[in-house]
């Protein structure tokens, strides 16, 4: 007698993180993916449906709609969008308001296993010195889910610095031009604040497309093991200098890293980057402890990657985390 697949419903399924989770789980016949979208007719939603996902329309601000969308689900993956413009309005709703509504919907639906894309609380970790809205709000949502006492397991995954940031030309202009635009000296220059106390401090890089979904997949293979055990989502640890050198090695184009004094000098006046500036203050204050007291290593990620790759019926090189070199070779023209 064959077992029915477990339904995993994904909030934010057409986003960067949720899309990666969907793509990974869809390759495992033990899971059935239900993807929540505000627009089921969008190209991303249609692509997920073509791959085998069930598409459900629901508004995260409507608890009853969320409860209906998650009904019958064995587990949920939830990522709330911290960059939603509505959260920039100081008089408007907070991300934690949205998250709590979603959690309440999950409880009503009877979902027992949750993986939430969270962060350590910057305020708590720095004793109030650096209140960073995104980190603090996501942490509040995670704690709300745990405090409810409803869930059998609550897993949290903390995404590192996206490699995919360097596919965006608008982002490149903010960060000095790297890796698209050369400066007056002919270098693709990465202008960024120090991450830790020195320029050698490693940054936890994550390839969302290739790795993030597999890490969540791995957590869902053993949800009890990762209950209240934060998972650092890291593909590779490299300093800014090392990252620029890898690009130069792959493409043959001149590249370099030039530190800028502090987070406040990163695109001053651009309110959308307020949290990014605070993130660098947090990194410099804690000497790069992006995950708080959780060790910033690839050990857990590597274990989860291997487990998910095997569950997808793959092996070999696919079981390895994505290095910056592999990522650059996949996305930029390599030198002859």
Protein backbone atom coordinates (compact mmCIF):
# COMPACT_ATOMS: atom_id res chain seq x y z
CA UNK A 1 0.00 0.00 0.00
CA UNK A 2 1.50 3.29 -1.08
CA UNK A 3 1.47 6.28 1.21
CA UNK A 4 -0.29 9.44 0.15
CA UNK A 5 2.14 12.31 -0.37
CA UNK A 6 2.35 14.88 2.39
CA UNK A 7 0.97 18.26 1.43
CA UNK A 8 3.40 21.12 1.95
CA UNK A 9 1.84 24.52 1.38
CA UNK A 10 4.12 27.42 0.57
CA UNK A 11 3.30 31.04 1.32
CA UNK A 12 5.33 33.24 -1.01
CA UNK A 13 5.70 30.42 -3.53
CA UNK A 14 6.34 32.72 -6.48
CA UNK A 15 9.04 34.68 -4.64
CA UNK A 16 12.75 33.97 -4.69
CA UNK A 17 12.83 31.79 -1.58
CA UNK A 18 9.43 30.16 -2.00
CA UNK A 19 10.12 29.41 -5.64
CA UNK A 20 13.32 27.59 -4.74
CA UNK A 21 11.51 25.57 -2.06
CA UNK A 22 8.74 24.68 -4.50
CA UNK A 23 11.19 23.60 -7.20
CA UNK A 24 13.03 21.31 -4.80
CA UNK A 25 9.98 19.67 -3.20
CA UNK A 26 8.31 19.09 -6.57
CA UNK A 27 11.08 16.62 -7.36
CA UNK A 28 10.18 14.42 -4.36
CA UNK A 29 7.13 12.21 -4.86
CA UNK A 30 6.66 11.97 -1.09
CA UNK A 31 5.50 15.60 -1.09
CA UNK A 32 2.65 17.37 -2.80
CA UNK A 33 3.26 21.09 -3.25
CA UNK A 34 0.46 23.59 -2.81
CA UNK A 35 1.57 27.08 -3.82
CA UNK A 36 -0.18 30.18 -2.53
CA UNK A 37 -0.21 33.14 -4.89
CA UNK A 38 -2.08 36.42 -4.96
CA UNK A 39 -2.16 36.04 -8.74
CA UNK A 40 -2.56 32.43 -9.94
CA UNK A 41 -2.33 33.65 -13.54
CA UNK A 42 1.16 35.12 -13.11
CA UNK A 43 3.94 33.51 -15.18
CA UNK A 44 5.71 32.18 -12.07
CA UNK A 45 2.52 30.63 -10.70
CA UNK A 46 1.76 29.09 -14.07
CA UNK A 47 5.26 27.61 -14.26
CA UNK A 48 4.84 25.99 -10.84
CA UNK A 49 1.49 24.57 -11.91
CA UNK A 50 3.11 23.15 -15.05
CA UNK A 51 5.67 21.41 -12.83
CA UNK A 52 2.95 19.82 -10.72
CA UNK A 53 2.07 22.28 -7.96
CA UNK A 54 -1.50 23.07 -6.98
CA UNK A 55 -2.01 26.84 -7.13
CA UNK A 56 -4.27 28.46 -4.55
CA UNK A 57 -5.19 32.13 -4.34
CA UNK A 58 -5.10 33.67 -0.87
CA UNK A 59 -4.45 37.01 0.80
CA UNK A 60 -2.04 36.84 3.73
CA UNK A 61 -3.97 39.54 5.55
CA UNK A 62 -7.14 37.43 5.57
CA UNK A 63 -6.95 34.73 8.24
CA UNK A 64 -9.93 32.81 6.88
CA UNK A 65 -8.49 32.73 3.37
CA UNK A 66 -5.17 31.51 4.76
CA UNK A 67 -6.92 28.83 6.82
CA UNK A 68 -8.75 27.59 3.73
CA UNK A 69 -5.56 27.64 1.66
CA UNK A 70 -3.61 25.60 4.22
CA UNK A 71 -6.39 23.16 5.15
CA UNK A 72 -5.18 19.56 5.01
CA UNK A 73 -1.50 20.53 4.89
CA UNK A 74 1.06 18.45 6.75
CA UNK A 75 3.54 21.33 6.76
CA UNK A 76 3.97 24.94 5.73
CA UNK A 77 6.87 27.02 4.52
CA UNK A 78 6.32 30.73 5.05
CA UNK A 79 8.39 33.70 3.97
CA UNK A 80 6.95 37.17 4.48
CA UNK A 81 8.27 39.89 2.20
CA UNK A 82 10.19 42.40 4.31
CA UNK A 83 10.69 44.62 1.25
CA UNK A 84 6.98 45.20 0.69
CA UNK A 85 6.59 49.00 0.32
CA UNK A 86 3.73 49.03 2.82
CA UNK A 87 6.20 48.26 5.61
CA UNK A 88 8.08 51.50 4.90
CA UNK A 89 5.09 53.50 6.15
CA UNK A 90 5.72 54.17 9.84
CA UNK A 91 1.97 54.61 10.34
CA UNK A 92 1.12 51.43 8.46
CA UNK A 93 1.06 47.76 9.39
CA UNK A 94 4.18 45.89 10.45
CA UNK A 95 5.58 42.70 8.99
CA UNK A 96 4.83 40.97 12.28
CA UNK A 97 1.15 41.88 11.86
CA UNK A 98 1.11 39.97 8.59
CA UNK A 99 3.09 37.08 10.02
CA UNK A 100 0.84 36.70 13.03
CA UNK A 101 -2.25 36.66 10.81
CA UNK A 102 -0.69 33.89 8.72
CA UNK A 103 0.27 31.90 11.83
CA UNK A 104 -3.29 32.26 13.16
CA UNK A 105 -4.55 30.93 9.82
CA UNK A 106 -2.20 27.95 10.05
CA UNK A 107 -3.46 27.19 13.54
CA UNK A 108 -7.09 27.35 12.38
CA UNK A 109 -6.22 25.03 9.49
CA UNK A 110 -4.60 22.53 11.85
CA UNK A 111 -1.13 22.64 10.28
CA UNK A 112 1.34 21.04 12.69
CA UNK A 113 4.75 21.61 11.08
CA UNK A 114 6.10 25.03 10.14
CA UNK A 115 9.35 26.21 8.59
CA UNK A 116 9.63 29.99 8.74
CA UNK A 117 12.24 32.18 7.07
CA UNK A 118 13.43 34.10 10.09
CA UNK A 119 16.40 35.92 11.63
CA UNK A 120 18.02 36.42 14.99
CA UNK A 121 16.66 39.52 16.75
CA UNK A 122 19.21 42.29 16.21
CA UNK A 123 17.75 44.29 19.09
CA UNK A 124 18.01 41.44 21.57
CA UNK A 125 21.43 40.28 20.43
CA UNK A 126 22.91 43.78 20.77
CA UNK A 127 21.03 44.63 23.99
CA UNK A 128 19.00 47.25 22.16
CA UNK A 129 21.95 49.00 20.51
CA UNK A 130 20.90 48.13 16.96
CA UNK A 131 17.19 47.73 16.33
CA UNK A 132 16.93 46.36 12.79
CA UNK A 133 13.34 46.17 11.61
CA UNK A 134 13.56 43.17 9.27
CA UNK A 135 15.47 40.96 11.69
CA UNK A 136 13.39 41.97 14.70
CA UNK A 137 10.03 41.62 12.94
CA UNK A 138 10.79 38.18 11.53
CA UNK A 139 12.04 37.01 14.90
CA UNK A 140 8.80 38.20 16.52
CA UNK A 141 6.78 36.11 14.06
CA UNK A 142 8.84 33.02 14.78
CA UNK A 143 8.44 33.50 18.54
CA UNK A 144 4.71 34.03 18.13
CA UNK A 145 4.42 30.68 16.36
CA UNK A 146 6.43 28.89 19.05
CA UNK A 147 4.53 30.58 21.90
CA UNK A 148 1.19 29.49 20.44
CA UNK A 149 1.95 25.95 21.62
CA UNK A 150 0.04 24.62 18.62
CA UNK A 151 2.80 23.34 16.37
CA UNK A 152 4.56 20.01 16.73
CA UNK A 153 7.62 21.55 15.09
CA UNK A 154 8.71 25.09 14.26
CA UNK A 155 11.87 25.25 12.20
CA UNK A 156 13.56 28.52 11.31
CA UNK A 157 15.95 29.09 8.43
CA UNK A 158 18.10 32.22 8.25
CA UNK A 159 19.12 33.21 4.73
CA UNK A 160 22.62 34.57 4.21
CA UNK A 161 23.65 37.24 1.70
CA UNK A 162 22.08 36.43 -1.67
CA UNK A 163 24.45 35.66 -4.53
CA UNK A 164 21.48 36.61 -6.72
CA UNK A 165 21.87 40.24 -5.60
CA UNK A 166 24.60 40.42 -8.23
CA UNK A 167 22.24 39.69 -11.10
CA UNK A 168 20.46 43.00 -10.55
CA UNK A 169 21.87 46.02 -12.38
CA UNK A 170 20.05 48.46 -10.10
CA UNK A 171 21.68 46.85 -7.07
CA UNK A 172 25.04 47.02 -8.85
CA UNK A 173 24.73 50.79 -9.24
CA UNK A 174 24.23 51.15 -5.48
CA UNK A 175 27.22 48.95 -4.73
CA UNK A 176 29.78 50.62 -6.96
CA UNK A 177 29.01 48.97 -10.29
CA UNK A 178 30.22 45.43 -9.59
CA UNK A 179 29.81 43.14 -11.50
CA UNK A 180 28.30 45.04 -14.45
CA UNK A 181 29.95 48.44 -14.69
CA UNK A 182 33.64 49.34 -14.73
CA UNK A 183 34.88 52.45 -12.93
CA UNK A 184 37.18 55.11 -14.39
CA UNK A 185 40.18 52.88 -13.69
CA UNK A 186 38.68 49.94 -15.54
CA UNK A 187 37.77 47.86 -12.49
CA UNK A 188 34.44 46.29 -11.67
CA UNK A 189 34.56 47.72 -8.16
CA UNK A 190 32.54 46.49 -5.22
CA UNK A 191 32.06 49.41 -2.82
CA UNK A 192 30.61 48.06 0.42
CA UNK A 193 31.06 48.63 4.15
CA UNK A 194 33.14 46.17 6.12
CA UNK A 195 31.03 43.25 7.28
CA UNK A 196 32.90 42.57 10.52
CA UNK A 197 35.71 44.41 12.25
CA UNK A 198 38.21 43.75 9.43
CA UNK A 199 38.04 43.32 5.68
CA UNK A 200 38.92 39.63 6.11
CA UNK A 201 35.66 38.79 7.87
CA UNK A 202 33.78 36.17 5.89
CA UNK A 203 30.28 36.83 4.59
CA UNK A 204 27.74 33.97 4.61
CA UNK A 205 26.72 33.68 0.95
CA UNK A 206 23.66 31.73 -0.14
CA UNK A 207 22.66 30.71 -3.64
CA UNK A 208 18.91 30.89 -3.27
CA UNK A 209 18.03 29.25 -6.56
CA UNK A 210 20.27 26.19 -6.25
CA UNK A 211 20.58 25.66 -2.50
CA UNK A 212 17.93 27.38 -0.38
CA UNK A 213 15.05 25.15 -1.44
CA UNK A 214 17.10 22.03 -0.79
CA UNK A 215 17.88 23.23 2.74
CA UNK A 216 14.19 23.66 3.55
CA UNK A 217 13.51 20.32 1.83
CA UNK A 218 16.09 18.70 4.10
CA UNK A 219 14.48 20.23 7.18
CA UNK A 220 11.11 18.82 6.16
CA UNK A 221 12.60 15.33 5.87
CA UNK A 222 13.31 15.46 9.63
CA UNK A 223 11.22 18.29 11.10
CA UNK A 224 11.63 17.08 14.69
CA UNK A 225 15.41 17.32 14.39
CA UNK A 226 15.23 21.00 13.40
CA UNK A 227 12.50 22.06 15.81
CA UNK A 228 13.63 25.39 17.34
CA UNK A 229 17.10 24.80 15.92
CA UNK A 230 17.98 27.76 13.67
CA UNK A 231 19.47 26.72 10.34
CA UNK A 232 22.06 29.08 8.80
CA UNK A 233 21.41 29.04 5.05
CA UNK A 234 24.98 29.32 3.72
CA UNK A 235 26.45 28.08 0.44
CA UNK A 236 29.96 29.43 0.98
CA UNK A 237 31.79 31.84 3.26
CA UNK A 238 33.93 34.46 1.50
CA UNK A 239 35.09 37.97 2.33
CA UNK A 240 34.24 40.81 -0.06
CA UNK A 241 37.82 40.67 -1.38
CA UNK A 242 37.58 36.95 -2.04
CA UNK A 243 34.22 37.30 -3.77
CA UNK A 244 35.60 39.95 -6.14
CA UNK A 245 38.69 37.83 -6.85
CA UNK A 246 36.55 34.83 -7.75
CA UNK A 247 34.68 36.97 -10.28
CA UNK A 248 38.00 38.13 -11.74
CA UNK A 249 39.27 34.55 -11.93
CA UNK A 250 36.17 33.32 -13.75
CA UNK A 251 35.65 36.19 -16.18
CA UNK A 252 39.15 37.57 -16.64
CA UNK A 253 37.77 41.06 -15.97
CA UNK A 254 39.50 43.31 -13.46
CA UNK A 255 37.60 43.43 -10.17
CA UNK A 256 38.29 44.68 -6.67
CA UNK A 257 36.72 45.48 -3.34
CA UNK A 258 36.98 48.98 -1.87
CA UNK A 259 35.65 49.42 1.68
CA UNK A 260 33.45 52.39 2.47
CA UNK A 261 33.55 53.82 5.99
CA UNK A 262 30.28 52.67 7.52
CA UNK A 263 26.80 51.47 6.76
CA UNK A 264 25.46 55.02 6.71
CA UNK A 265 27.43 55.74 3.52
CA UNK A 266 25.62 53.01 1.57
CA UNK A 267 23.17 54.84 -0.70
CA UNK A 268 22.37 57.60 1.82
CA UNK A 269 18.85 58.94 1.54
CA UNK A 270 17.42 55.79 -0.06
CA UNK A 271 14.84 54.74 2.52
CA UNK A 272 14.44 51.28 0.97
CA UNK A 273 18.00 50.52 2.10
CA UNK A 274 17.59 51.65 5.71
CA UNK A 275 17.67 48.07 6.94
CA UNK A 276 20.73 47.26 4.84
CA UNK A 277 22.61 50.10 6.51
CA UNK A 278 21.55 48.79 9.90
CA UNK A 279 22.66 45.31 8.87
CA UNK A 280 26.22 46.53 8.40
CA UNK A 281 26.15 48.29 11.76
CA UNK A 282 25.02 44.98 13.22
CA UNK A 283 27.80 43.09 11.44
CA UNK A 284 30.51 45.50 12.54
CA UNK A 285 29.23 45.63 16.13
CA UNK A 286 29.04 41.83 16.46
CA UNK A 287 32.12 41.13 14.29
CA UNK A 288 30.11 39.35 11.65
CA UNK A 289 27.80 37.27 13.83
CA UNK A 290 25.02 37.29 11.24
CA UNK A 291 23.28 34.37 12.94
CA UNK A 292 23.79 35.54 16.51
CA UNK A 293 25.17 32.78 18.72
CA UNK A 294 24.56 30.11 16.06
CA UNK A 295 27.90 29.23 14.41
CA UNK A 296 28.10 30.67 10.91
CA UNK A 297 29.39 27.56 9.15
CA UNK A 298 28.21 25.49 6.20
CA UNK A 299 28.07 22.26 8.23
CA UNK A 300 24.29 22.10 8.71
CA UNK A 301 23.61 23.37 5.19
CA UNK A 302 25.88 20.73 3.67
CA UNK A 303 24.07 17.96 5.56
CA UNK A 304 20.66 19.23 4.47
CA UNK A 305 21.78 19.68 0.87
CA UNK A 306 22.96 16.07 0.66
CA UNK A 307 19.76 14.72 2.21
CA UNK A 308 17.49 16.72 -0.09
CA UNK A 309 19.51 15.86 -3.19
CA UNK A 310 19.17 12.14 -2.45
CA UNK A 311 15.45 12.60 -1.75
CA UNK A 312 15.13 14.19 -5.19
CA UNK A 313 16.75 11.12 -6.72
CA UNK A 314 19.99 12.92 -7.57
CA UNK A 315 23.58 12.51 -6.45
CA UNK A 316 27.13 13.46 -7.37
CA UNK A 317 27.94 17.14 -7.83
CA UNK A 318 24.32 18.14 -7.25
CA UNK A 319 24.74 17.11 -3.62
CA UNK A 320 27.32 19.87 -3.05
CA UNK A 321 26.57 23.44 -2.04
CA UNK A 322 27.03 26.06 -4.75
CA UNK A 323 30.35 27.88 -4.63
CA UNK A 324 30.75 31.45 -5.81
CA UNK A 325 32.98 30.16 -8.61
CA UNK A 326 30.30 27.78 -9.84
CA UNK A 327 27.67 30.51 -9.54
CA UNK A 328 29.72 33.04 -11.52
CA UNK A 329 30.44 30.44 -14.20
CA UNK A 330 26.70 29.77 -14.51
CA UNK A 331 25.71 33.42 -14.76
CA UNK A 332 28.62 35.28 -16.41
CA UNK A 333 30.74 34.68 -19.46
CA UNK A 334 33.86 32.82 -18.41
CA UNK A 335 37.19 33.78 -19.93
CA UNK A 336 38.43 31.57 -22.75
